[in-house]
Amino acid sequence: MINYFKNWRLCLNLSKTEVSCFHLDNHQKKKSLVINLNNNILGHNFNPTYVGVTLDTSLLYREHLEKVKQKLKTRNNIMYKLAGTNWGANANTLRTSALALVYSTAEYCCPVWKNSNHISKIDTQLNTTMRIITGTISSTPTAWLPILSNIVPANIRSNQATKKAWDKYQNSPDQFPIVQDLNNIQMNRLKSRKPLWLESFLDRPFSPKDDWRLFWENNKATLFNQNLIADPTEKVNLQRRVWSTLNRLRTGHGKCNYMLHKWNQLVDPSCPCGCPSETIAHIVTECPLNKFHGGFQAIHRVANGVTEWILNLKVL
């Protein structure tokens, strides 16, 4: 290294130069390297930051994802200011704000860390973002959230970013010499990791909407009212009060007496009409005080009279 800097007339800033070591040996996880350069011992950094990504010894990216998680919490607090349960911006405005504020931060360099075992730190915050957009409550199944917010699921979005980067490298090998290195790799240096170039979807045409439809088909079987959604990519845009109530009706999770009793906030789960259990399904299809004659299908399509009926609904 000394000869290299000397030959190219470069001056190394020793105060900013650090060394790190990457391996899977946990017994030596806290061992520092001692590197002498021009009679100066370089500092060892266990978690160096490279182009905005915090690395760690085993390339688990736990520290990086923890930092991103805290950033997303801050941005979700901004999202909370834009929408409450019964007031706020419409669905399209909230969706655009979420993509600009939250998702842009969450997906920075995602091809690098998307296979990390700590990815749930990001997914939890993105679920919170989608609940803000849709006005749904915390008990709503997560499979519903991308459908209602009309945002492609996070894992598919990260695959799309990976595919885009891979195609960019492959189509311009002269501009990106890394392609030659990737194509010549015979084995993984860290055998337990899942590098980008081993992803199966890289060798096939990639369509986010088609993958989303397949994802929905594989995850909808146990969901309440899953038959309402034929195409998960369809978009609906309504005022906040109608939008949030509509989503709670679709998913079957809202502040009805049955749910409040389940959360130990009410002693009696019965409906004012006399039914022993006031569920969402009862309110929409059975309750003589509140039911909508078109049922869930008409509500889902926002048929004539649905908006007025929702605004006059005393629950949810």
C-alpha atoms as a PDB file:
ATOM      1  CA  MET A   1       0.000   0.000   0.000  1.00  0.00           C
ATOM      2  CA  ILE A   2       2.854   2.374   0.785  1.00  0.00           C
ATOM      3  CA  ASN A   3       4.399   1.766  -2.627  1.00  0.00           C
ATOM      4  CA  TYR A   4       1.020   2.256  -4.337  1.00  0.00           C
ATOM      5  CA  PHE A   5       0.448   5.657  -2.751  1.00  0.00           C
ATOM      6  CA  LYS A   6       4.027   6.677  -3.480  1.00  0.00           C
ATOM      7  CA  ASN A   7       3.870   5.684  -7.138  1.00  0.00           C
ATOM      8  CA  TRP A   8       0.598   7.541  -7.737  1.00  0.00           C
ATOM      9  CA  ARG A   9       1.579  10.619  -5.731  1.00  0.00           C
ATOM     10  CA  LEU A  10      -1.245  10.107  -3.247  1.00  0.00           C
ATOM     11  CA  CYS A  11      -1.320  11.227   0.359  1.00  0.00           C
ATOM     12  CA  LEU A  12      -3.188   8.954   2.740  1.00  0.00           C
ATOM     13  CA  ASN A  13      -5.185  10.616   5.535  1.00  0.00           C
ATOM     14  CA  LEU A  14      -4.296   8.360   8.446  1.00  0.00           C
ATOM     15  CA  SER A  15      -6.889   9.937  10.769  1.00  0.00           C
ATOM     16  CA  LYS A  16      -9.706   8.889   8.412  1.00  0.00           C
ATOM     17  CA  THR A  17      -8.353   5.485   7.422  1.00  0.00           C
ATOM     18  CA  GLU A  18      -9.819   2.446   9.168  1.00  0.00           C
ATOM     19  CA  VAL A  19      -9.545  -1.311   8.860  1.00  0.00           C
ATOM     20  CA  SER A  20     -12.232  -3.970   9.237  1.00  0.00           C
ATOM     21  CA  CYS A  21     -12.464  -7.739   9.010  1.00  0.00           C
ATOM     22  CA  PHE A  22     -15.421  -9.829   7.764  1.00  0.00           C
ATOM     23  CA  HIS A  23     -15.826 -13.453   8.801  1.00  0.00           C
ATOM     24  CA  LEU A  24     -18.226 -15.952  10.424  1.00  0.00           C
ATOM     25  CA  ASP A  25     -16.068 -16.877  13.420  1.00  0.00           C
ATOM     26  CA  ASN A  26     -17.964 -15.574  16.432  1.00  0.00           C
ATOM     27  CA  HIS A  27     -15.073 -16.434  18.742  1.00  0.00           C
ATOM     28  CA  GLN A  28     -13.032 -13.696  17.089  1.00  0.00           C
ATOM     29  CA  LYS A  29     -15.893 -11.264  16.599  1.00  0.00           C
ATOM     30  CA  LYS A  30     -14.360  -8.695  18.978  1.00  0.00           C
ATOM     31  CA  LYS A  31     -10.782  -9.164  17.844  1.00  0.00           C
ATOM     32  CA  SER A  32      -9.176  -6.042  16.357  1.00  0.00           C
ATOM     33  CA  LEU A  33      -6.695  -6.038  13.519  1.00  0.00           C
ATOM     34  CA  VAL A  34      -3.346  -4.349  14.139  1.00  0.00           C
ATOM     35  CA  ILE A  35      -2.201  -2.772  10.859  1.00  0.00           C
ATOM     36  CA  ASN A  36       0.924  -0.628  10.774  1.00  0.00           C
ATOM     37  CA  LEU A  37       1.179   1.922   7.971  1.00  0.00           C
ATOM     38  CA  ASN A  38       4.125   4.324   7.925  1.00  0.00           C
ATOM     39  CA  ASN A  39       4.696   3.606  11.607  1.00  0.00           C
ATOM     40  CA  ASN A  40       1.071   4.460  12.401  1.00  0.00           C
ATOM     41  CA  ILE A  41      -1.413   1.967  13.787  1.00  0.00           C
ATOM     42  CA  LEU A  42      -4.671   2.254  11.844  1.00  0.00           C
ATOM     43  CA  GLY A  43      -7.921   2.287  13.825  1.00  0.00           C
ATOM     44  CA  HIS A  44     -10.133  -0.799  13.697  1.00  0.00           C
ATOM     45  CA  ASN A  45     -13.846  -0.224  13.097  1.00  0.00           C
ATOM     46  CA  PHE A  46     -16.238  -3.114  13.713  1.00  0.00           C
ATOM     47  CA  ASN A  47     -19.096  -1.277  11.983  1.00  0.00           C
ATOM     48  CA  PRO A  48     -17.737   0.815   9.109  1.00  0.00           C
ATOM     49  CA  THR A  49     -20.103   2.827   6.935  1.00  0.00           C
ATOM     50  CA  TYR A  50     -19.670   2.556   3.179  1.00  0.00           C
ATOM     51  CA  VAL A  51     -21.787   4.786   0.880  1.00  0.00           C
ATOM     52  CA  GLY A  52     -24.416   5.069   3.578  1.00  0.00           C
ATOM     53  CA  VAL A  53     -24.601   1.360   4.498  1.00  0.00           C
ATOM     54  CA  THR A  54     -23.356   0.277   7.933  1.00  0.00           C
ATOM     55  CA  LEU A  55     -21.472  -3.008   7.713  1.00  0.00           C
ATOM     56  CA  ASP A  56     -20.744  -5.536  10.457  1.00  0.00           C
ATOM     57  CA  THR A  57     -18.367  -8.433  10.951  1.00  0.00           C
ATOM     58  CA  SER A  58     -20.697 -11.153   9.616  1.00  0.00           C
ATOM     59  CA  LEU A  59     -22.528  -8.930   7.079  1.00  0.00           C
ATOM     60  CA  LEU A  60     -25.832  -9.388   8.912  1.00  0.00           C
ATOM     61  CA  TYR A  61     -26.605  -5.655   8.516  1.00  0.00           C
ATOM     62  CA  ARG A  62     -28.296  -5.567  11.901  1.00  0.00           C
ATOM     63  CA  GLU A  63     -26.812  -2.203  12.857  1.00  0.00           C
ATOM     64  CA  HIS A  64     -27.695  -0.708   9.493  1.00  0.00           C
ATOM     65  CA  LEU A  65     -31.296  -1.916   9.642  1.00  0.00           C
ATOM     66  CA  GLU A  66     -31.623  -0.649  13.210  1.00  0.00           C
ATOM     67  CA  LYS A  67     -30.541   2.818  12.040  1.00  0.00           C
ATOM     68  CA  VAL A  68     -32.995   2.699   9.138  1.00  0.00           C
ATOM     69  CA  LYS A  69     -35.738   1.591  11.524  1.00  0.00           C
ATOM     70  CA  GLN A  70     -35.206   4.704  13.664  1.00  0.00           C
ATOM     71  CA  LYS A  71     -35.315   6.909  10.557  1.00  0.00           C
ATOM     72  CA  LEU A  72     -38.574   5.299   9.471  1.00  0.00           C
ATOM     73  CA  LYS A  73     -40.099   5.890  12.900  1.00  0.00           C
ATOM     74  CA  THR A  74     -39.385   9.610  12.514  1.00  0.00           C
ATOM     75  CA  ARG A  75     -40.957   9.685   9.067  1.00  0.00           C
ATOM     76  CA  ASN A  76     -43.985   7.733  10.251  1.00  0.00           C
ATOM     77  CA  ASN A  77     -44.490  10.404  12.900  1.00  0.00           C
ATOM     78  CA  ILE A  78     -44.742  12.915  10.059  1.00  0.00           C
ATOM     79  CA  MET A  79     -47.267  10.654   8.336  1.00  0.00           C
ATOM     80  CA  TYR A  80     -49.335  10.606  11.536  1.00  0.00           C
ATOM     81  CA  LYS A  81     -49.604  14.393  11.284  1.00  0.00           C
ATOM     82  CA  LEU A  82     -51.178  14.058   7.843  1.00  0.00           C
ATOM     83  CA  ALA A  83     -53.959  11.668   8.811  1.00  0.00           C
ATOM     84  CA  GLY A  84     -56.010  10.633  11.821  1.00  0.00           C
ATOM     85  CA  THR A  85     -58.802   8.105  12.117  1.00  0.00           C
ATOM     86  CA  ASN A  86     -61.558  10.370  10.785  1.00  0.00           C
ATOM     87  CA  TRP A  87     -59.661  13.269   9.235  1.00  0.00           C
ATOM     88  CA  GLY A  88     -56.669  13.959   7.021  1.00  0.00           C
ATOM     89  CA  ALA A  89     -55.462  13.820   3.428  1.00  0.00           C
ATOM     90  CA  ASN A  90     -57.064  11.471   0.923  1.00  0.00           C
ATOM     91  CA  ALA A  91     -55.644   8.060   0.093  1.00  0.00           C
ATOM     92  CA  ASN A  92     -53.705   9.141  -2.999  1.00  0.00           C
ATOM     93  CA  THR A  93     -51.974  12.016  -1.203  1.00  0.00           C
ATOM     94  CA  LEU A  94     -51.002   9.787   1.717  1.00  0.00           C
ATOM     95  CA  ARG A  95     -49.711   7.095  -0.611  1.00  0.00           C
ATOM     96  CA  THR A  96     -47.533   9.589  -2.526  1.00  0.00           C
ATOM     97  CA  SER A  97     -46.225  11.050   0.736  1.00  0.00           C
ATOM     98  CA  ALA A  98     -45.378   7.578   2.063  1.00  0.00           C
ATOM     99  CA  LEU A  99     -43.457   6.624  -1.079  1.00  0.00           C
ATOM    100  CA  ALA A 100     -41.478   9.877  -0.949  1.00  0.00           C
ATOM    101  CA  LEU A 101     -40.815  10.036   2.801  1.00  0.00           C
ATOM    102  CA  VAL A 102     -40.744   6.449   4.039  1.00  0.00           C
ATOM    103  CA  TYR A 103     -40.196   3.995   1.201  1.00  0.00           C
ATOM    104  CA  SER A 104     -37.374   6.004  -0.375  1.00  0.00           C
ATOM    105  CA  THR A 105     -35.447   5.720   2.895  1.00  0.00           C
ATOM    106  CA  ALA A 106     -36.408   2.109   3.552  1.00  0.00           C
ATOM    107  CA  GLU A 107     -35.271   0.908   0.120  1.00  0.00           C
ATOM    108  CA  TYR A 108     -31.892   2.623  -0.059  1.00  0.00           C
ATOM    109  CA  CYS A 109     -29.354  -0.038  -1.175  1.00  0.00           C
ATOM    110  CA  CYS A 110     -31.943  -2.763  -0.532  1.00  0.00           C
ATOM    111  CA  PRO A 111     -30.326  -5.247  -2.986  1.00  0.00           C
ATOM    112  CA  VAL A 112     -27.401  -5.424  -0.551  1.00  0.00           C
ATOM    113  CA  TRP A 113     -29.296  -6.255   2.647  1.00  0.00           C
ATOM    114  CA  LYS A 114     -32.698  -7.558   1.488  1.00  0.00           C
ATOM    115  CA  ASN A 115     -31.869 -11.168   2.502  1.00  0.00           C
ATOM    116  CA  SER A 116     -30.801 -10.212   6.015  1.00  0.00           C
ATOM    117  CA  ASN A 117     -32.405 -12.078   8.912  1.00  0.00           C
ATOM    118  CA  HIS A 118     -33.145  -8.690  10.497  1.00  0.00           C
ATOM    119  CA  ILE A 119     -35.326  -7.435   7.650  1.00  0.00           C
ATOM    120  CA  SER A 120     -38.353  -7.554   9.963  1.00  0.00           C
ATOM    121  CA  LYS A 121     -37.136  -4.288  11.534  1.00  0.00           C
ATOM    122  CA  ILE A 122     -37.968  -2.565   8.244  1.00  0.00           C
ATOM    123  CA  ASP A 123     -41.119  -4.550   7.512  1.00  0.00           C
ATOM    124  CA  THR A 124     -42.650  -3.583  10.863  1.00  0.00           C
ATOM    125  CA  GLN A 125     -42.234   0.121  10.143  1.00  0.00           C
ATOM    126  CA  LEU A 126     -43.578  -0.220   6.600  1.00  0.00           C
ATOM    127  CA  ASN A 127     -46.628  -2.016   7.997  1.00  0.00           C
ATOM    128  CA  THR A 128     -47.161   0.976  10.279  1.00  0.00           C
ATOM    129  CA  THR A 129     -46.907   3.274   7.257  1.00  0.00           C
ATOM    130  CA  MET A 130     -49.551   1.301   5.373  1.00  0.00           C
ATOM    131  CA  ARG A 131     -51.849   1.309   8.412  1.00  0.00           C
ATOM    132  CA  ILE A 132     -51.590   5.101   8.501  1.00  0.00           C
ATOM    133  CA  ILE A 133     -52.476   5.307   4.810  1.00  0.00           C
ATOM    134  CA  THR A 134     -55.426   2.935   5.087  1.00  0.00           C
ATOM    135  CA  GLY A 135     -56.728   3.949   8.515  1.00  0.00           C
ATOM    136  CA  THR A 136     -56.788   0.310   9.634  1.00  0.00           C
ATOM    137  CA  ILE A 137     -56.198  -0.836  13.187  1.00  0.00           C
ATOM    138  CA  SER A 138     -53.218  -2.820  14.477  1.00  0.00           C
ATOM    139  CA  SER A 139     -55.031  -6.177  14.474  1.00  0.00           C
ATOM    140  CA  THR A 140     -55.577  -6.050  10.702  1.00  0.00           C
ATOM    141  CA  PRO A 141     -53.730  -8.944   8.978  1.00  0.00           C
ATOM    142  CA  THR A 142     -50.586  -7.673   7.258  1.00  0.00           C
ATOM    143  CA  ALA A 143     -51.512  -9.417   3.981  1.00  0.00           C
ATOM    144  CA  TRP A 144     -54.330  -6.859   3.612  1.00  0.00           C
ATOM    145  CA  LEU A 145     -52.129  -3.771   3.970  1.00  0.00           C
ATOM    146  CA  PRO A 146     -50.457  -3.629   0.508  1.00  0.00           C
ATOM    147  CA  ILE A 147     -53.836  -4.295  -1.128  1.00  0.00           C
ATOM    148  CA  LEU A 148     -55.642  -1.500   0.684  1.00  0.00           C
ATOM    149  CA  SER A 149     -52.821   1.044   0.383  1.00  0.00           C
ATOM    150  CA  ASN A 150     -52.133   0.025  -3.246  1.00  0.00           C
ATOM    151  CA  ILE A 151     -48.386  -0.261  -2.669  1.00  0.00           C
ATOM    152  CA  VAL A 152     -46.492  -3.255  -4.019  1.00  0.00           C
ATOM    153  CA  PRO A 153     -45.317  -5.498  -1.118  1.00  0.00           C
ATOM    154  CA  ALA A 154     -41.864  -4.606   0.185  1.00  0.00           C
ATOM    155  CA  ASN A 155     -40.224  -7.906  -0.782  1.00  0.00           C
ATOM    156  CA  ILE A 156     -41.397  -7.545  -4.391  1.00  0.00           C
ATOM    157  CA  ARG A 157     -40.234  -3.915  -4.519  1.00  0.00           C
ATOM    158  CA  SER A 158     -36.776  -4.968  -3.295  1.00  0.00           C
ATOM    159  CA  ASN A 159     -36.653  -7.749  -5.891  1.00  0.00           C
ATOM    160  CA  GLN A 160     -37.559  -5.192  -8.549  1.00  0.00           C
ATOM    161  CA  ALA A 161     -34.713  -2.913  -7.424  1.00  0.00           C
ATOM    162  CA  THR A 162     -32.314  -5.861  -7.467  1.00  0.00           C
ATOM    163  CA  LYS A 163     -33.406  -6.913 -10.947  1.00  0.00           C
ATOM    164  CA  LYS A 164     -33.062  -3.345 -12.220  1.00  0.00           C
ATOM    165  CA  ALA A 165     -29.524  -3.035 -10.846  1.00  0.00           C
ATOM    166  CA  TRP A 166     -28.522  -6.451 -12.188  1.00  0.00           C
ATOM    167  CA  ASP A 167     -29.804  -5.690 -15.692  1.00  0.00           C
ATOM    168  CA  LYS A 168     -28.009  -2.348 -15.604  1.00  0.00           C
ATOM    169  CA  TYR A 169     -24.702  -4.067 -14.813  1.00  0.00           C
ATOM    170  CA  GLN A 170     -25.199  -6.822 -17.365  1.00  0.00           C
ATOM    171  CA  ASN A 171     -26.160  -4.441 -20.176  1.00  0.00           C
ATOM    172  CA  SER A 172     -23.141  -2.170 -19.638  1.00  0.00           C
ATOM    173  CA  PRO A 173     -20.160  -4.398 -18.762  1.00  0.00           C
ATOM    174  CA  ASP A 174     -17.686  -1.756 -19.968  1.00  0.00           C
ATOM    175  CA  GLN A 175     -19.051   0.828 -17.547  1.00  0.00           C
ATOM    176  CA  PHE A 176     -19.433  -1.621 -14.657  1.00  0.00           C
ATOM    177  CA  PRO A 177     -16.375  -3.934 -14.405  1.00  0.00           C
ATOM    178  CA  ILE A 178     -17.999  -5.586 -11.365  1.00  0.00           C
ATOM    179  CA  VAL A 179     -19.939  -7.794 -13.814  1.00  0.00           C
ATOM    180  CA  GLN A 180     -16.762  -9.659 -14.740  1.00  0.00           C
ATOM    181  CA  ASP A 181     -16.024 -10.342 -11.084  1.00  0.00           C
ATOM    182  CA  LEU A 182     -19.550 -11.559 -10.365  1.00  0.00           C
ATOM    183  CA  ASN A 183     -19.628 -13.883 -13.355  1.00  0.00           C
ATOM    184  CA  ASN A 184     -16.300 -15.439 -12.368  1.00  0.00           C
ATOM    185  CA  ILE A 185     -17.097 -16.141  -8.717  1.00  0.00           C
ATOM    186  CA  GLN A 186     -16.870 -19.888  -8.084  1.00  0.00           C
ATOM    187  CA  MET A 187     -17.943 -19.896  -4.429  1.00  0.00           C
ATOM    188  CA  ASN A 188     -19.298 -17.636  -1.698  1.00  0.00           C
ATOM    189  CA  ARG A 189     -16.602 -16.288   0.561  1.00  0.00           C
ATOM    190  CA  LEU A 190     -19.140 -16.137   3.397  1.00  0.00           C
ATOM    191  CA  LYS A 191     -20.935 -19.397   2.771  1.00  0.00           C
ATOM    192  CA  SER A 192     -23.989 -18.740   4.908  1.00  0.00           C
ATOM    193  CA  ARG A 193     -24.938 -15.537   3.084  1.00  0.00           C
ATOM    194  CA  LYS A 194     -27.255 -15.141   0.082  1.00  0.00           C
ATOM    195  CA  PRO A 195     -25.500 -12.889  -2.438  1.00  0.00           C
ATOM    196  CA  LEU A 196     -27.364 -10.909  -5.085  1.00  0.00           C
ATOM    197  CA  TRP A 197     -26.113 -12.932  -8.056  1.00  0.00           C
ATOM    198  CA  LEU A 198     -27.714 -16.184  -6.806  1.00  0.00           C
ATOM    199  CA  GLU A 199     -31.297 -14.866  -6.922  1.00  0.00           C
ATOM    200  CA  SER A 200     -33.507 -17.034  -9.154  1.00  0.00           C
ATOM    201  CA  PHE A 201     -35.607 -14.143 -10.537  1.00  0.00           C
ATOM    202  CA  LEU A 202     -32.577 -12.490 -12.154  1.00  0.00           C
ATOM    203  CA  ASP A 203     -32.740 -14.884 -15.112  1.00  0.00           C
ATOM    204  CA  ARG A 204     -36.411 -14.350 -15.986  1.00  0.00           C
ATOM    205  CA  PRO A 205     -38.603 -11.420 -17.072  1.00  0.00           C
ATOM    206  CA  PHE A 206     -39.722  -9.599 -13.939  1.00  0.00           C
ATOM    207  CA  SER A 207     -43.182  -8.044 -13.587  1.00  0.00           C
ATOM    208  CA  PRO A 208     -43.971  -6.552 -10.143  1.00  0.00           C
ATOM    209  CA  LYS A 209     -47.728  -6.613 -10.755  1.00  0.00           C
ATOM    210  CA  ASP A 210     -47.702 -10.267 -11.839  1.00  0.00           C
ATOM    211  CA  ASP A 211     -45.617 -11.231  -8.802  1.00  0.00           C
ATOM    212  CA  TRP A 212     -47.990  -9.232  -6.607  1.00  0.00           C
ATOM    213  CA  ARG A 213     -51.021 -11.061  -7.983  1.00  0.00           C
ATOM    214  CA  LEU A 214     -49.309 -14.400  -7.332  1.00  0.00           C
ATOM    215  CA  PHE A 215     -48.351 -13.246  -3.823  1.00  0.00           C
ATOM    216  CA  TRP A 216     -51.995 -12.348  -3.136  1.00  0.00           C
ATOM    217  CA  GLU A 217     -53.257 -15.718  -4.368  1.00  0.00           C
ATOM    218  CA  ASN A 218     -50.833 -17.490  -2.049  1.00  0.00           C
ATOM    219  CA  ASN A 219     -51.691 -15.428   1.053  1.00  0.00           C
ATOM    220  CA  LYS A 220     -55.424 -14.682   0.843  1.00  0.00           C
ATOM    221  CA  ALA A 221     -56.835 -18.111   1.755  1.00  0.00           C
ATOM    222  CA  THR A 222     -57.383 -17.419   5.473  1.00  0.00           C
ATOM    223  CA  LEU A 223     -58.431 -13.758   5.193  1.00  0.00           C
ATOM    224  CA  PHE A 224     -61.909 -12.440   5.918  1.00  0.00           C
ATOM    225  CA  ASN A 225     -63.613 -11.147   2.738  1.00  0.00           C
ATOM    226  CA  GLN A 226     -60.686 -12.254   0.564  1.00  0.00           C
ATOM    227  CA  ASN A 227     -63.123 -12.900  -2.316  1.00  0.00           C
ATOM    228  CA  LEU A 228     -63.690  -9.125  -2.642  1.00  0.00           C
ATOM    229  CA  ILE A 229     -60.284  -8.641  -4.256  1.00  0.00           C
ATOM    230  CA  ALA A 230     -59.920  -9.974  -7.788  1.00  0.00           C
ATOM    231  CA  ASP A 231     -56.952  -7.783  -8.725  1.00  0.00           C
ATOM    232  CA  PRO A 232     -54.750  -6.451  -5.882  1.00  0.00           C
ATOM    233  CA  THR A 233     -53.312  -3.715  -8.113  1.00  0.00           C
ATOM    234  CA  GLU A 234     -56.603  -1.776  -8.384  1.00  0.00           C
ATOM    235  CA  LYS A 235     -56.586   1.673  -6.781  1.00  0.00           C
ATOM    236  CA  VAL A 236     -59.363   3.450  -4.844  1.00  0.00           C
ATOM    237  CA  ASN A 237     -59.200   7.095  -3.746  1.00  0.00           C
ATOM    238  CA  LEU A 238     -61.747   8.450  -1.220  1.00  0.00           C
ATOM    239  CA  GLN A 239     -61.975  11.081   1.481  1.00  0.00           C
ATOM    240  CA  ARG A 240     -60.374  10.061   4.772  1.00  0.00           C
ATOM    241  CA  ARG A 241     -63.485   9.268   6.836  1.00  0.00           C
ATOM    242  CA  VAL A 242     -65.033   7.068   4.151  1.00  0.00           C
ATOM    243  CA  TRP A 243     -61.689   5.516   3.191  1.00  0.00           C
ATOM    244  CA  SER A 244     -60.683   4.368   6.677  1.00  0.00           C
ATOM    245  CA  THR A 245     -64.142   3.010   7.509  1.00  0.00           C
ATOM    246  CA  LEU A 246     -64.362   1.208   4.176  1.00  0.00           C
ATOM    247  CA  ASN A 247     -61.052  -0.536   4.830  1.00  0.00           C
ATOM    248  CA  ARG A 248     -62.151  -1.636   8.296  1.00  0.00           C
ATOM    249  CA  LEU A 249     -65.325  -3.080   6.851  1.00  0.00           C
ATOM    250  CA  ARG A 250     -63.406  -4.940   4.153  1.00  0.00           C
ATOM    251  CA  THR A 251     -60.987  -6.557   6.596  1.00  0.00           C
ATOM    252  CA  GLY A 252     -63.473  -7.254   9.394  1.00  0.00           C
ATOM    253  CA  HIS A 253     -61.287  -5.411  11.906  1.00  0.00           C
ATOM    254  CA  GLY A 254     -62.824  -2.303  13.421  1.00  0.00           C
ATOM    255  CA  LYS A 255     -64.009  -0.867  16.711  1.00  0.00           C
ATOM    256  CA  CYS A 256     -67.218  -2.886  16.938  1.00  0.00           C
ATOM    257  CA  ASN A 257     -68.420  -4.309  20.252  1.00  0.00           C
ATOM    258  CA  TYR A 258     -67.083  -7.787  19.473  1.00  0.00           C
ATOM    259  CA  MET A 259     -63.541  -6.473  18.922  1.00  0.00           C
ATOM    260  CA  LEU A 260     -63.699  -4.105  21.902  1.00  0.00           C
ATOM    261  CA  HIS A 261     -64.796  -7.023  24.088  1.00  0.00           C
ATOM    262  CA  LYS A 262     -61.929  -9.102  22.688  1.00  0.00           C
ATOM    263  CA  TRP A 263     -59.511  -6.319  23.674  1.00  0.00           C
ATOM    264  CA  ASN A 264     -61.011  -6.199  27.216  1.00  0.00           C
ATOM    265  CA  GLN A 265     -62.409  -2.703  26.679  1.00  0.00           C
ATOM    266  CA  LEU A 266     -66.064  -3.769  26.891  1.00  0.00           C
ATOM    267  CA  VAL A 267     -67.803  -6.272  29.136  1.00  0.00           C
ATOM    268  CA  ASP A 268     -70.698  -6.942  26.780  1.00  0.00           C
ATOM    269  CA  PRO A 269     -70.021  -7.751  23.073  1.00  0.00           C
ATOM    270  CA  SER A 270     -73.694  -7.635  22.115  1.00  0.00           C
ATOM    271  CA  CYS A 271     -75.223  -5.363  19.483  1.00  0.00           C
ATOM    272  CA  PRO A 272     -77.868  -2.708  20.340  1.00  0.00           C
ATOM    273  CA  CYS A 273     -80.254  -4.647  18.101  1.00  0.00           C
ATOM    274  CA  GLY A 274     -80.141  -7.592  20.516  1.00  0.00           C
ATOM    275  CA  CYS A 275     -77.639  -9.856  18.713  1.00  0.00           C
ATOM    276  CA  PRO A 276     -75.228 -11.416  21.238  1.00  0.00           C
ATOM    277  CA  SER A 277     -72.157 -10.456  19.174  1.00  0.00           C
ATOM    278  CA  GLU A 278     -71.707  -7.228  17.204  1.00  0.00           C
ATOM    279  CA  THR A 279     -69.162  -8.199  14.539  1.00  0.00           C
ATOM    280  CA  ILE A 280     -68.381  -6.399  11.280  1.00  0.00           C
ATOM    281  CA  ALA A 281     -70.201  -9.094   9.324  1.00  0.00           C
ATOM    282  CA  HIS A 282     -73.269  -8.651  11.554  1.00  0.00           C
ATOM    283  CA  ILE A 283     -73.269  -4.876  11.118  1.00  0.00           C
ATOM    284  CA  VAL A 284     -73.091  -5.074   7.305  1.00  0.00           C
ATOM    285  CA  THR A 285     -75.357  -8.023   6.543  1.00  0.00           C
ATOM    286  CA  GLU A 286     -77.673  -8.716   9.511  1.00  0.00           C
ATOM    287  CA  CYS A 287     -78.158  -5.796  11.886  1.00  0.00           C
ATOM    288  CA  PRO A 288     -81.619  -4.189  11.376  1.00  0.00           C
ATOM    289  CA  LEU A 289     -80.219  -0.910  12.703  1.00  0.00           C
ATOM    290  CA  ASN A 290     -77.161  -0.607  10.452  1.00  0.00           C
ATOM    291  CA  LYS A 291     -77.036  -3.198   7.656  1.00  0.00           C
ATOM    292  CA  PHE A 292     -76.423  -2.191   4.052  1.00  0.00           C
ATOM    293  CA  HIS A 293     -78.664  -4.035   1.630  1.00  0.00           C
ATOM    294  CA  GLY A 294     -75.995  -4.447  -1.020  1.00  0.00           C
ATOM    295  CA  GLY A 295     -73.691  -6.288   1.392  1.00  0.00           C
ATOM    296  CA  PHE A 296     -69.906  -6.350   1.275  1.00  0.00           C
ATOM    297  CA  GLN A 297     -69.728  -6.478  -2.520  1.00  0.00           C
ATOM    298  CA  ALA A 298     -71.612  -3.189  -2.904  1.00  0.00           C
ATOM    299  CA  ILE A 299     -69.582  -1.565  -0.138  1.00  0.00           C
ATOM    300  CA  HIS A 300     -66.334  -2.699  -1.730  1.00  0.00           C
ATOM    301  CA  ARG A 301     -67.375  -1.198  -5.081  1.00  0.00           C
ATOM    302  CA  VAL A 302     -68.511   2.014  -3.318  1.00  0.00           C
ATOM    303  CA  ALA A 303     -71.929   1.708  -4.950  1.00  0.00           C
ATOM    304  CA  ASN A 304     -74.624   4.362  -4.748  1.00  0.00           C
ATOM    305  CA  GLY A 305     -75.494   5.168  -1.154  1.00  0.00           C
ATOM    306  CA  VAL A 306     -72.349   3.612   0.363  1.00  0.00           C
ATOM    307  CA  THR A 307     -70.638   6.920   1.153  1.00  0.00           C
ATOM    308  CA  GLU A 308     -73.731   8.314   2.904  1.00  0.00           C
ATOM    309  CA  TRP A 309     -74.238   5.036   4.795  1.00  0.00           C
ATOM    310  CA  ILE A 310     -70.628   5.039   6.020  1.00  0.00           C
ATOM    311  CA  LEU A 311     -70.826   8.680   7.162  1.00  0.00           C
ATOM    312  CA  ASN A 312     -73.947   7.871   9.193  1.00  0.00           C
ATOM    313  CA  LEU A 313     -72.469   4.688  10.715  1.00  0.00           C
ATOM    314  CA  LYS A 314     -72.104   5.044  14.489  1.00  0.00           C
ATOM    315  CA  VAL A 315     -69.377   2.423  14.897  1.00  0.00           C
ATOM    316  CA  LEU A 316     -65.861   1.851  13.488  1.00  0.00           C
END
